[in-house]
């Protein structure tokens, strides 16, 4: 079998790994094995936290809506329940944005629910 010398390919791979690990602390930015391991963990955390971000955002919207609804005498659960009963379909992201940036519009929605 023919001998394959991997000098340039190996160096290119190593350079790319270390370039991706730039800014990491201690040996993780200079030692290939540690850098590979750090990148593997970083990828796993990035994947998991992309999923967590959706949950975190929804929780933030719920807190914003709850705070705004309490000003008008509603708890969050009663507010959402009233929205469903009156067949007002506005998602939580939009409701939170209205509560924060356009309180007048949010008040009109609350008035339709009847406090």
PDB file of N, CA and C in Angstrom:
ATOM      1  N   UNK A   1       0.835  -1.182   0.000  1.00  0.00           N
ATOM      2  CA  UNK A   1       0.000   0.000   0.000  1.00  0.00           C
ATOM      3  C   UNK A   1       0.883   1.250   0.000  1.00  0.00           C
ATOM      4  N   UNK A   2       0.403   2.293  -0.626  1.00  0.00           N
ATOM      5  CA  UNK A   2       1.186   3.517  -0.730  1.00  0.00           C
ATOM      6  C   UNK A   2       1.146   4.306   0.572  1.00  0.00           C
ATOM      7  N   UNK A   3       2.271   4.904   0.896  1.00  0.00           N
ATOM      8  CA  UNK A   3       2.353   5.696   2.123  1.00  0.00           C
ATOM      9  C   UNK A   3       1.748   7.077   1.871  1.00  0.00           C
ATOM     10  N   UNK A   4       0.933   7.523   2.819  1.00  0.00           N
ATOM     11  CA  UNK A   4       0.317   8.848   2.707  1.00  0.00           C
ATOM     12  C   UNK A   4       0.892   9.733   3.797  1.00  0.00           C
ATOM     13  N   UNK A   5       1.536  10.810   3.387  1.00  0.00           N
ATOM     14  CA  UNK A   5       2.079  11.758   4.361  1.00  0.00           C
ATOM     15  C   UNK A   5       1.021  12.840   4.584  1.00  0.00           C
ATOM     16  N   UNK A   6       0.691  13.066   5.857  1.00  0.00           N
ATOM     17  CA  UNK A   6      -0.441  13.944   6.162  1.00  0.00           C
ATOM     18  C   UNK A   6      -0.011  15.318   6.684  1.00  0.00           C
ATOM     19  N   UNK A   7       1.228  15.685   6.455  1.00  0.00           N
ATOM     20  CA  UNK A   7       1.757  16.924   7.030  1.00  0.00           C
ATOM     21  C   UNK A   7       0.879  18.138   6.817  1.00  0.00           C
ATOM     22  N   UNK A   8       0.603  18.487   5.578  1.00  0.00           N
ATOM     23  CA  UNK A   8      -0.152  19.717   5.302  1.00  0.00           C
ATOM     24  C   UNK A   8      -1.597  19.602   5.759  1.00  0.00           C
ATOM     25  N   UNK A   9      -2.204  18.446   5.548  1.00  0.00           N
ATOM     26  CA  UNK A   9      -3.600  18.248   5.943  1.00  0.00           C
ATOM     27  C   UNK A   9      -3.742  18.323   7.458  1.00  0.00           C
ATOM     28  N   UNK A  10      -2.832  17.642   8.153  1.00  0.00           N
ATOM     29  CA  UNK A  10      -2.867  17.631   9.621  1.00  0.00           C
ATOM     30  C   UNK A  10      -2.681  19.050  10.172  1.00  0.00           C
ATOM     31  N   UNK A  11      -1.736  19.778   9.591  1.00  0.00           N
ATOM     32  CA  UNK A  11      -1.488  21.150  10.051  1.00  0.00           C
ATOM     33  C   UNK A  11      -2.689  22.052   9.801  1.00  0.00           C
ATOM     34  N   UNK A  12      -3.328  21.860   8.659  1.00  0.00           N
ATOM     35  CA  UNK A  12      -4.505  22.671   8.332  1.00  0.00           C
ATOM     36  C   UNK A  12      -5.644  22.382   9.315  1.00  0.00           C
ATOM     37  N   UNK A  13      -5.854  21.087   9.618  1.00  0.00           N
ATOM     38  CA  UNK A  13      -6.894  20.707  10.584  1.00  0.00           C
ATOM     39  C   UNK A  13      -6.606  21.320  11.950  1.00  0.00           C
ATOM     40  N   UNK A  14      -5.333  21.205  12.375  1.00  0.00           N
ATOM     41  CA  UNK A  14      -4.928  21.730  13.680  1.00  0.00           C
ATOM     42  C   UNK A  14      -5.136  23.242  13.733  1.00  0.00           C
ATOM     43  N   UNK A  15      -4.762  23.911  12.651  1.00  0.00           N
ATOM     44  CA  UNK A  15      -4.914  25.369  12.583  1.00  0.00           C
ATOM     45  C   UNK A  15      -6.386  25.768  12.705  1.00  0.00           C
ATOM     46  N   UNK A  16      -7.250  25.027  12.029  1.00  0.00           N
ATOM     47  CA  UNK A  16      -8.685  25.335  12.073  1.00  0.00           C
ATOM     48  C   UNK A  16      -9.273  25.109  13.463  1.00  0.00           C
ATOM     49  N   UNK A  17      -8.839  24.034  14.120  1.00  0.00           N
ATOM     50  CA  UNK A  17      -9.320  23.750  15.481  1.00  0.00           C
ATOM     51  C   UNK A  17      -8.884  24.859  16.424  1.00  0.00           C
ATOM     52  N   UNK A  18      -7.608  25.223  16.365  1.00  0.00           N
ATOM     53  CA  UNK A  18      -7.090  26.256  17.265  1.00  0.00           C
ATOM     54  C   UNK A  18      -7.691  27.629  16.947  1.00  0.00           C
ATOM     55  N   UNK A  19      -7.986  27.861  15.682  1.00  0.00           N
ATOM     56  CA  UNK A  19      -8.623  29.126  15.302  1.00  0.00           C
ATOM     57  C   UNK A  19     -10.031  29.202  15.894  1.00  0.00           C
ATOM     58  N   UNK A  20     -10.738  28.079  15.856  1.00  0.00           N
ATOM     59  CA  UNK A  20     -12.097  28.043  16.420  1.00  0.00           C
ATOM     60  C   UNK A  20     -12.078  28.186  17.937  1.00  0.00           C
ATOM     61  N   UNK A  21     -10.980  27.730  18.569  1.00  0.00           N
ATOM     62  CA  UNK A  21     -10.879  27.784  20.034  1.00  0.00           C
ATOM     63  C   UNK A  21     -10.186  29.064  20.516  1.00  0.00           C
ATOM     64  N   UNK A  22     -10.006  30.003  19.625  1.00  0.00           N
ATOM     65  CA  UNK A  22      -9.325  31.250  19.996  1.00  0.00           C
ATOM     66  C   UNK A  22     -10.131  31.973  21.075  1.00  0.00           C
ATOM     67  N   UNK A  23      -9.443  32.440  22.090  1.00  0.00           N
ATOM     68  CA  UNK A  23     -10.114  33.151  23.172  1.00  0.00           C
ATOM     69  C   UNK A  23     -10.474  32.266  24.349  1.00  0.00           C
ATOM     70  N   UNK A  24     -10.331  30.959  24.188  1.00  0.00           N
ATOM     71  CA  UNK A  24     -10.595  30.054  25.302  1.00  0.00           C
ATOM     72  C   UNK A  24      -9.466  30.183  26.319  1.00  0.00           C
ATOM     73  N   UNK A  25      -9.737  29.830  27.559  1.00  0.00           N
ATOM     74  CA  UNK A  25      -8.760  30.004  28.632  1.00  0.00           C
ATOM     75  C   UNK A  25      -7.821  28.808  28.749  1.00  0.00           C
ATOM     76  N   UNK A  26      -6.643  29.097  29.251  1.00  0.00           N
ATOM     77  CA  UNK A  26      -5.621  28.104  29.574  1.00  0.00           C
ATOM     78  C   UNK A  26      -5.220  27.315  28.327  1.00  0.00           C
ATOM     79  N   UNK A  27      -5.025  26.009  28.464  1.00  0.00           N
ATOM     80  CA  UNK A  27      -4.524  25.212  27.354  1.00  0.00           C
ATOM     81  C   UNK A  27      -5.554  24.967  26.275  1.00  0.00           C
ATOM     82  N   UNK A  28      -6.763  25.346  26.528  1.00  0.00           N
ATOM     83  CA  UNK A  28      -7.828  25.066  25.556  1.00  0.00           C
ATOM     84  C   UNK A  28      -7.654  25.859  24.264  1.00  0.00           C
ATOM     85  N   UNK A  29      -6.876  26.916  24.317  1.00  0.00           N
ATOM     86  CA  UNK A  29      -6.669  27.698  23.099  1.00  0.00           C
ATOM     87  C   UNK A  29      -5.346  27.366  22.414  1.00  0.00           C
ATOM     88  N   UNK A  30      -4.486  26.571  23.070  1.00  0.00           N
ATOM     89  CA  UNK A  30      -3.166  26.296  22.487  1.00  0.00           C
ATOM     90  C   UNK A  30      -2.883  24.816  22.259  1.00  0.00           C
ATOM     91  N   UNK A  31      -3.538  23.941  22.982  1.00  0.00           N
ATOM     92  CA  UNK A  31      -3.277  22.505  22.852  1.00  0.00           C
ATOM     93  C   UNK A  31      -4.414  21.852  22.071  1.00  0.00           C
ATOM     94  N   UNK A  32      -4.028  21.110  21.042  1.00  0.00           N
ATOM     95  CA  UNK A  32      -5.016  20.577  20.110  1.00  0.00           C
ATOM     96  C   UNK A  32      -6.067  19.691  20.772  1.00  0.00           C
ATOM     97  N   UNK A  33      -5.646  18.753  21.602  1.00  0.00           N
ATOM     98  CA  UNK A  33      -6.592  17.821  22.227  1.00  0.00           C
ATOM     99  C   UNK A  33      -7.560  18.562  23.145  1.00  0.00           C
ATOM    100  N   UNK A  34      -7.030  19.480  23.944  1.00  0.00           N
ATOM    101  CA  UNK A  34      -7.881  20.256  24.855  1.00  0.00           C
ATOM    102  C   UNK A  34      -8.829  21.153  24.066  1.00  0.00           C
ATOM    103  N   UNK A  35      -8.330  21.704  22.965  1.00  0.00           N
ATOM    104  CA  UNK A  35      -9.156  22.582  22.129  1.00  0.00           C
ATOM    105  C   UNK A  35     -10.303  21.800  21.498  1.00  0.00           C
ATOM    106  N   UNK A  36      -9.995  20.594  20.996  1.00  0.00           N
ATOM    107  CA  UNK A  36     -11.047  19.754  20.400  1.00  0.00           C
ATOM    108  C   UNK A  36     -12.127  19.439  21.425  1.00  0.00           C
ATOM    109  N   UNK A  37     -11.686  19.072  22.626  1.00  0.00           N
ATOM    110  CA  UNK A  37     -12.623  18.740  23.696  1.00  0.00           C
ATOM    111  C   UNK A  37     -13.478  19.953  24.062  1.00  0.00           C
ATOM    112  N   UNK A  38     -12.839  21.106  24.165  1.00  0.00           N
ATOM    113  CA  UNK A  38     -13.562  22.335  24.512  1.00  0.00           C
ATOM    114  C   UNK A  38     -14.579  22.684  23.431  1.00  0.00           C
ATOM    115  N   UNK A  39     -14.201  22.507  22.170  1.00  0.00           N
ATOM    116  CA  UNK A  39     -15.122  22.796  21.065  1.00  0.00           C
ATOM    117  C   UNK A  39     -16.301  21.830  21.060  1.00  0.00           C
ATOM    118  N   UNK A  40     -16.027  20.559  21.384  1.00  0.00           N
ATOM    119  CA  UNK A  40     -17.105  19.569  21.446  1.00  0.00           C
ATOM    120  C   UNK A  40     -18.119  19.960  22.529  1.00  0.00           C
ATOM    121  N   UNK A  41     -17.611  20.351  23.699  1.00  0.00           N
ATOM    122  CA  UNK A  41     -18.503  20.775  24.776  1.00  0.00           C
ATOM    123  C   UNK A  41     -19.244  22.059  24.409  1.00  0.00           C
ATOM    124  N   UNK A  42     -18.534  22.978  23.778  1.00  0.00           N
ATOM    125  CA  UNK A  42     -19.156  24.246  23.386  1.00  0.00           C
ATOM    126  C   UNK A  42     -20.318  23.997  22.428  1.00  0.00           C
ATOM    127  N   UNK A  43     -20.114  23.060  21.494  1.00  0.00           N
ATOM    128  CA  UNK A  43     -21.177  22.728  20.550  1.00  0.00           C
ATOM    129  C   UNK A  43     -22.384  22.122  21.244  1.00  0.00           C
ATOM    130  N   UNK A  44     -22.127  21.275  22.231  1.00  0.00           N
ATOM    131  CA  UNK A  44     -23.226  20.641  22.972  1.00  0.00           C
ATOM    132  C   UNK A  44     -24.009  21.685  23.756  1.00  0.00           C
ATOM    133  N   UNK A  45     -23.284  22.606  24.403  1.00  0.00           N
ATOM    134  CA  UNK A  45     -23.953  23.665  25.163  1.00  0.00           C
ATOM    135  C   UNK A  45     -24.749  24.573  24.225  1.00  0.00           C
ATOM    136  N   UNK A  46     -24.161  24.893  23.086  1.00  0.00           N
ATOM    137  CA  UNK A  46     -24.834  25.774  22.129  1.00  0.00           C
ATOM    138  C   UNK A  46     -26.140  25.138  21.652  1.00  0.00           C
ATOM    139  N   UNK A  47     -26.098  23.837  21.361  1.00  0.00           N
ATOM    140  CA  UNK A  47     -27.293  23.135  20.898  1.00  0.00           C
ATOM    141  C   UNK A  47     -28.375  23.156  21.972  1.00  0.00           C
ATOM    142  N   UNK A  48     -27.998  22.791  23.194  1.00  0.00           N
ATOM    143  CA  UNK A  48     -28.977  22.722  24.287  1.00  0.00           C
ATOM    144  C   UNK A  48     -29.558  24.095  24.593  1.00  0.00           C
ATOM    145  N   UNK A  49     -28.714  25.109  24.593  1.00  0.00           N
ATOM    146  CA  UNK A  49     -29.182  26.437  24.977  1.00  0.00           C
ATOM    147  C   UNK A  49     -29.988  27.120  23.878  1.00  0.00           C
ATOM    148  N   UNK A  50     -29.798  26.690  22.624  1.00  0.00           N
ATOM    149  CA  UNK A  50     -30.696  27.186  21.572  1.00  0.00           C
ATOM    150  C   UNK A  50     -32.118  26.715  21.852  1.00  0.00           C
ATOM    151  N   UNK A  51     -32.245  25.501  22.382  1.00  0.00           N
ATOM    152  CA  UNK A  51     -33.570  24.979  22.727  1.00  0.00           C
ATOM    153  C   UNK A  51     -34.114  25.683  23.973  1.00  0.00           C
ATOM    154  N   UNK A  52     -33.241  25.894  24.965  1.00  0.00           N
ATOM    155  CA  UNK A  52     -33.659  26.547  26.214  1.00  0.00           C
ATOM    156  C   UNK A  52     -34.114  27.982  25.979  1.00  0.00           C
ATOM    157  N   UNK A  53     -33.529  28.623  24.975  1.00  0.00           N
ATOM    158  CA  UNK A  53     -33.832  30.028  24.720  1.00  0.00           C
ATOM    159  C   UNK A  53     -35.323  30.227  24.440  1.00  0.00           C
ATOM    160  N   UNK A  54     -35.929  29.270  23.758  1.00  0.00           N
ATOM    161  CA  UNK A  54     -37.363  29.363  23.450  1.00  0.00           C
ATOM    162  C   UNK A  54     -38.187  29.376  24.735  1.00  0.00           C
ATOM    163  N   UNK A  55     -37.841  28.490  25.662  1.00  0.00           N
ATOM    164  CA  UNK A  55     -38.538  28.407  26.946  1.00  0.00           C
ATOM    165  C   UNK A  55     -38.342  29.681  27.751  1.00  0.00           C
ATOM    166  N   UNK A  56     -37.106  30.182  27.756  1.00  0.00           N
ATOM    167  CA  UNK A  56     -36.797  31.396  28.515  1.00  0.00           C
ATOM    168  C   UNK A  56     -37.582  32.597  27.992  1.00  0.00           C
ATOM    169  N   UNK A  57     -37.653  32.714  26.674  1.00  0.00           N
ATOM    170  CA  UNK A  57     -38.394  33.836  26.071  1.00  0.00           C
ATOM    171  C   UNK A  57     -39.876  33.769  26.454  1.00  0.00           C
ATOM    172  N   UNK A  58     -40.449  32.578  26.359  1.00  0.00           N
ATOM    173  CA  UNK A  58     -41.868  32.433  26.694  1.00  0.00           C
ATOM    174  C   UNK A  58     -42.112  32.825  28.150  1.00  0.00           C
ATOM    175  N   UNK A  59     -41.228  32.424  29.049  1.00  0.00           N
ATOM    176  CA  UNK A  59     -41.347  32.802  30.458  1.00  0.00           C
ATOM    177  C   UNK A  59     -41.285  34.305  30.644  1.00  0.00           C
ATOM    178  N   UNK A  60     -40.412  34.959  29.892  1.00  0.00           N
ATOM    179  CA  UNK A  60     -40.290  36.412  29.964  1.00  0.00           C
ATOM    180  C   UNK A  60     -41.572  37.082  29.481  1.00  0.00           C
ATOM    181  N   UNK A  61     -42.134  36.565  28.380  1.00  0.00           N
ATOM    182  CA  UNK A  61     -43.400  37.121  27.878  1.00  0.00           C
ATOM    183  C   UNK A  61     -44.498  36.960  28.919  1.00  0.00           C
ATOM    184  N   UNK A  62     -44.550  35.793  29.561  1.00  0.00           N
ATOM    185  CA  UNK A  62     -45.580  35.543  30.566  1.00  0.00           C
ATOM    186  C   UNK A  62     -45.456  36.507  31.737  1.00  0.00           C
ATOM    187  N   UNK A  63     -44.232  36.769  32.173  1.00  0.00           N
ATOM    188  CA  UNK A  63     -44.032  37.714  33.285  1.00  0.00           C
ATOM    189  C   UNK A  63     -44.463  39.122  32.897  1.00  0.00           C
ATOM    190  N   UNK A  64     -44.150  39.521  31.671  1.00  0.00           N
ATOM    191  CA  UNK A  64     -44.517  40.856  31.190  1.00  0.00           C
ATOM    192  C   UNK A  64     -46.032  40.997  31.120  1.00  0.00           C
ATOM    193  N   UNK A  65     -46.693  39.988  30.557  1.00  0.00           N
ATOM    194  CA  UNK A  65     -48.157  40.009  30.449  1.00  0.00           C
ATOM    195  C   UNK A  65     -48.784  40.006  31.839  1.00  0.00           C
ATOM    196  N   UNK A  66     -48.261  39.184  32.729  1.00  0.00           N
ATOM    197  CA  UNK A  66     -48.782  39.091  34.089  1.00  0.00           C
ATOM    198  C   UNK A  66     -48.699  40.432  34.802  1.00  0.00           C
ATOM    199  N   UNK A  67     -47.553  41.100  34.689  1.00  0.00           N
ATOM    200  CA  UNK A  67     -47.368  42.398  35.346  1.00  0.00           C
ATOM    201  C   UNK A  67     -48.350  43.427  34.796  1.00  0.00           C
ATOM    202  N   UNK A  68     -48.537  43.417  33.474  1.00  0.00           N
ATOM    203  CA  UNK A  68     -49.450  44.377  32.855  1.00  0.00           C
ATOM    204  C   UNK A  68     -50.905  44.054  33.203  1.00  0.00           C
ATOM    205  N   UNK A  69     -51.251  42.769  33.228  1.00  0.00           N
ATOM    206  CA  UNK A  69     -52.628  42.363  33.520  1.00  0.00           C
ATOM    207  C   UNK A  69     -53.002  42.680  34.966  1.00  0.00           C
ATOM    208  N   UNK A  70     -52.051  42.574  35.880  1.00  0.00           N
ATOM    209  CA  UNK A  70     -52.318  42.860  37.296  1.00  0.00           C
ATOM    210  C   UNK A  70     -52.689  44.323  37.523  1.00  0.00           C
ATOM    211  N   UNK A  71     -52.215  45.206  36.667  1.00  0.00           N
ATOM    212  CA  UNK A  71     -52.591  46.621  36.774  1.00  0.00           C
ATOM    213  C   UNK A  71     -54.091  46.810  36.551  1.00  0.00           C
ATOM    214  N   UNK A  72     -54.687  45.872  35.818  1.00  0.00           N
ATOM    215  CA  UNK A  72     -56.118  45.964  35.519  1.00  0.00           C
ATOM    216  C   UNK A  72     -56.940  44.954  36.314  1.00  0.00           C
ATOM    217  N   UNK A  73     -56.348  44.353  37.328  1.00  0.00           N
ATOM    218  CA  UNK A  73     -57.084  43.454  38.214  1.00  0.00           C
ATOM    219  C   UNK A  73     -57.197  42.020  37.738  1.00  0.00           C
ATOM    220  N   UNK A  74     -56.376  41.617  36.791  1.00  0.00           N
ATOM    221  CA  UNK A  74     -56.375  40.239  36.295  1.00  0.00           C
ATOM    222  C   UNK A  74     -55.120  39.529  36.766  1.00  0.00           C
ATOM    223  N   UNK A  75     -55.249  38.247  37.086  1.00  0.00           N
ATOM    224  CA  UNK A  75     -54.039  37.434  37.225  1.00  0.00           C
ATOM    225  C   UNK A  75     -53.715  36.940  35.815  1.00  0.00           C
ATOM    226  N   UNK A  76     -52.511  36.419  35.621  1.00  0.00           N
ATOM    227  CA  UNK A  76     -52.111  35.953  34.295  1.00  0.00           C
ATOM    228  C   UNK A  76     -53.053  34.863  33.794  1.00  0.00           C
ATOM    229  N   UNK A  77     -53.340  33.886  34.661  1.00  0.00           N
ATOM    230  CA  UNK A  77     -54.167  32.755  34.230  1.00  0.00           C
ATOM    231  C   UNK A  77     -55.592  33.190  33.895  1.00  0.00           C
ATOM    232  N   UNK A  78     -56.153  34.104  34.703  1.00  0.00           N
ATOM    233  CA  UNK A  78     -57.513  34.604  34.427  1.00  0.00           C
ATOM    234  C   UNK A  78     -57.524  35.410  33.125  1.00  0.00           C
ATOM    235  N   UNK A  79     -56.459  36.164  32.908  1.00  0.00           N
ATOM    236  CA  UNK A  79     -56.355  36.977  31.693  1.00  0.00           C
ATOM    237  C   UNK A  79     -56.345  36.090  30.447  1.00  0.00           C
ATOM    238  N   UNK A  80     -55.496  35.063  30.456  1.00  0.00           N
ATOM    239  CA  UNK A  80     -55.402  34.153  29.309  1.00  0.00           C
ATOM    240  C   UNK A  80     -56.711  33.383  29.131  1.00  0.00           C
ATOM    241  N   UNK A  81     -57.319  32.972  30.239  1.00  0.00           N
ATOM    242  CA  UNK A  81     -58.597  32.263  30.179  1.00  0.00           C
ATOM    243  C   UNK A  81     -59.673  33.143  29.552  1.00  0.00           C
ATOM    244  N   UNK A  82     -59.729  34.402  29.967  1.00  0.00           N
ATOM    245  CA  UNK A  82     -60.710  35.338  29.404  1.00  0.00           C
ATOM    246  C   UNK A  82     -60.468  35.561  27.918  1.00  0.00           C
ATOM    247  N   UNK A  83     -59.198  35.623  27.535  1.00  0.00           N
ATOM    248  CA  UNK A  83     -58.863  35.796  26.111  1.00  0.00           C
ATOM    249  C   UNK A  83     -59.405  34.618  25.297  1.00  0.00           C
ATOM    250  N   UNK A  84     -59.234  33.412  25.836  1.00  0.00           N
ATOM    251  CA  UNK A  84     -59.701  32.225  25.117  1.00  0.00           C
ATOM    252  C   UNK A  84     -61.222  32.187  25.038  1.00  0.00           C
ATOM    253  N   UNK A  85     -61.886  32.554  26.146  1.00  0.00           N
ATOM    254  CA  UNK A  85     -63.354  32.533  26.169  1.00  0.00           C
ATOM    255  C   UNK A  85     -63.952  33.557  25.214  1.00  0.00           C
ATOM    256  N   UNK A  86     -63.301  34.716  25.091  1.00  0.00           N
ATOM    257  CA  UNK A  86     -63.783  35.766  24.183  1.00  0.00           C
ATOM    258  C   UNK A  86     -63.297  35.556  22.755  1.00  0.00           C
ATOM    259  N   UNK A  87     -62.526  34.461  22.557  1.00  0.00           N
ATOM    260  CA  UNK A  87     -61.989  34.121  21.238  1.00  0.00           C
ATOM    261  C   UNK A  87     -61.108  35.235  20.650  1.00  0.00           C
ATOM    262  N   UNK A  88     -60.328  35.858  21.521  1.00  0.00           N
ATOM    263  CA  UNK A  88     -59.340  36.840  21.070  1.00  0.00           C
ATOM    264  C   UNK A  88     -58.020  36.088  20.914  1.00  0.00           C
ATOM    265  N   UNK A  89     -57.554  35.988  19.673  1.00  0.00           N
ATOM    266  CA  UNK A  89     -56.360  35.196  19.396  1.00  0.00           C
ATOM    267  C   UNK A  89     -55.174  36.127  19.137  1.00  0.00           C
ATOM    268  N   UNK A  90     -54.383  36.336  20.181  1.00  0.00           N
ATOM    269  CA  UNK A  90     -53.130  37.088  20.066  1.00  0.00           C
ATOM    270  C   UNK A  90     -52.093  36.291  20.845  1.00  0.00           C
ATOM    271  N   UNK A  91     -50.974  35.997  20.202  1.00  0.00           N
ATOM    272  CA  UNK A  91     -49.987  35.171  20.909  1.00  0.00           C
ATOM    273  C   UNK A  91     -49.257  35.961  21.992  1.00  0.00           C
ATOM    274  N   UNK A  92     -48.580  35.230  22.860  1.00  0.00           N
ATOM    275  CA  UNK A  92     -47.955  35.835  24.046  1.00  0.00           C
ATOM    276  C   UNK A  92     -46.848  36.817  23.688  1.00  0.00           C
ATOM    277  N   UNK A  93     -46.145  36.541  22.605  1.00  0.00           N
ATOM    278  CA  UNK A  93     -45.069  37.436  22.182  1.00  0.00           C
ATOM    279  C   UNK A  93     -45.632  38.814  21.844  1.00  0.00           C
ATOM    280  N   UNK A  94     -46.708  38.835  21.086  1.00  0.00           N
ATOM    281  CA  UNK A  94     -47.327  40.099  20.680  1.00  0.00           C
ATOM    282  C   UNK A  94     -47.955  40.788  21.887  1.00  0.00           C
ATOM    283  N   UNK A  95     -48.629  40.026  22.744  1.00  0.00           N
ATOM    284  CA  UNK A  95     -49.235  40.605  23.950  1.00  0.00           C
ATOM    285  C   UNK A  95     -48.184  41.271  24.834  1.00  0.00           C
ATOM    286  N   UNK A  96     -47.059  40.604  25.017  1.00  0.00           N
ATOM    287  CA  UNK A  96     -45.988  41.159  25.848  1.00  0.00           C
ATOM    288  C   UNK A  96     -45.442  42.438  25.225  1.00  0.00           C
ATOM    289  N   UNK A  97     -45.304  42.434  23.909  1.00  0.00           N
ATOM    290  CA  UNK A  97     -44.812  43.624  23.215  1.00  0.00           C
ATOM    291  C   UNK A  97     -45.803  44.776  23.345  1.00  0.00           C
ATOM    292  N   UNK A  98     -47.092  44.472  23.207  1.00  0.00           N
ATOM    293  CA  UNK A  98     -48.126  45.504  23.377  1.00  0.00           C
ATOM    294  C   UNK A  98     -48.118  46.052  24.801  1.00  0.00           C
ATOM    295  N   UNK A  99     -48.015  45.162  25.769  1.00  0.00           N
ATOM    296  CA  UNK A  99     -48.016  45.580  27.170  1.00  0.00           C
ATOM    297  C   UNK A  99     -46.836  46.495  27.469  1.00  0.00           C
ATOM    298  N   UNK A 100     -45.706  46.234  26.830  1.00  0.00           N
ATOM    299  CA  UNK A 100     -44.491  47.003  27.104  1.00  0.00           C
ATOM    300  C   UNK A 100     -44.444  48.311  26.311  1.00  0.00           C
ATOM    301  N   UNK A 101     -44.710  48.224  25.001  1.00  0.00           N
ATOM    302  CA  UNK A 101     -44.493  49.395  24.153  1.00  0.00           C
ATOM    303  C   UNK A 101     -45.762  50.178  23.823  1.00  0.00           C
ATOM    304  N   UNK A 102     -46.926  49.528  23.887  1.00  0.00           N
ATOM    305  CA  UNK A 102     -48.180  50.221  23.578  1.00  0.00           C
ATOM    306  C   UNK A 102     -49.230  49.906  24.640  1.00  0.00           C
ATOM    307  N   UNK A 103     -49.112  50.505  25.826  1.00  0.00           N
ATOM    308  CA  UNK A 103     -50.046  50.196  26.913  1.00  0.00           C
ATOM    309  C   UNK A 103     -51.498  50.564  26.599  1.00  0.00           C
ATOM    310  N   UNK A 104     -51.700  51.569  25.742  1.00  0.00           N
ATOM    311  CA  UNK A 104     -53.070  51.964  25.372  1.00  0.00           C
ATOM    312  C   UNK A 104     -53.773  50.837  24.618  1.00  0.00           C
ATOM    313  N   UNK A 105     -53.070  50.230  23.690  1.00  0.00           N
ATOM    314  CA  UNK A 105     -53.637  49.112  22.926  1.00  0.00           C
ATOM    315  C   UNK A 105     -53.913  47.925  23.846  1.00  0.00           C
ATOM    316  N   UNK A 106     -52.987  47.661  24.759  1.00  0.00           N
ATOM    317  CA  UNK A 106     -53.174  46.569  25.721  1.00  0.00           C
ATOM    318  C   UNK A 106     -54.409  46.840  26.579  1.00  0.00           C
ATOM    319  N   UNK A 107     -54.597  48.101  26.972  1.00  0.00           N
ATOM    320  CA  UNK A 107     -55.764  48.479  27.791  1.00  0.00           C
ATOM    321  C   UNK A 107     -57.064  48.221  27.031  1.00  0.00           C
ATOM    322  N   UNK A 108     -57.055  48.505  25.727  1.00  0.00           N
ATOM    323  CA  UNK A 108     -58.255  48.249  24.916  1.00  0.00           C
ATOM    324  C   UNK A 108     -58.588  46.757  24.876  1.00  0.00           C
ATOM    325  N   UNK A 109     -57.570  45.921  24.810  1.00  0.00           N
ATOM    326  CA  UNK A 109     -57.796  44.467  24.839  1.00  0.00           C
ATOM    327  C   UNK A 109     -58.397  44.064  26.181  1.00  0.00           C
ATOM    328  N   UNK A 110     -57.859  44.620  27.264  1.00  0.00           N
ATOM    329  CA  UNK A 110     -58.364  44.313  28.609  1.00  0.00           C
ATOM    330  C   UNK A 110     -59.809  44.785  28.745  1.00  0.00           C
ATOM    331  N   UNK A 111     -60.122  45.956  28.187  1.00  0.00           N
ATOM    332  CA  UNK A 111     -61.493  46.477  28.252  1.00  0.00           C
ATOM    333  C   UNK A 111     -62.474  45.549  27.538  1.00  0.00           C
ATOM    334  N   UNK A 112     -62.034  44.930  26.441  1.00  0.00           N
ATOM    335  CA  UNK A 112     -62.897  43.981  25.730  1.00  0.00           C
ATOM    336  C   UNK A 112     -63.178  42.740  26.570  1.00  0.00           C
ATOM    337  N   UNK A 113     -62.237  42.392  27.425  1.00  0.00           N
ATOM    338  CA  UNK A 113     -62.422  41.218  28.280  1.00  0.00           C
ATOM    339  C   UNK A 113     -63.400  41.508  29.404  1.00  0.00           C
ATOM    340  N   UNK A 114     -63.470  42.758  29.830  1.00  0.00           N
ATOM    341  CA  UNK A 114     -64.371  43.126  30.917  1.00  0.00           C
ATOM    342  C   UNK A 114     -63.831  42.701  32.263  1.00  0.00           C
ATOM    343  N   UNK A 115     -63.330  43.659  33.011  1.00  0.00           N
ATOM    344  CA  UNK A 115     -62.700  43.362  34.306  1.00  0.00           C
ATOM    345  C   UNK A 115     -63.671  43.077  35.399  1.00  0.00           C
TER     346      UNK A 115
END
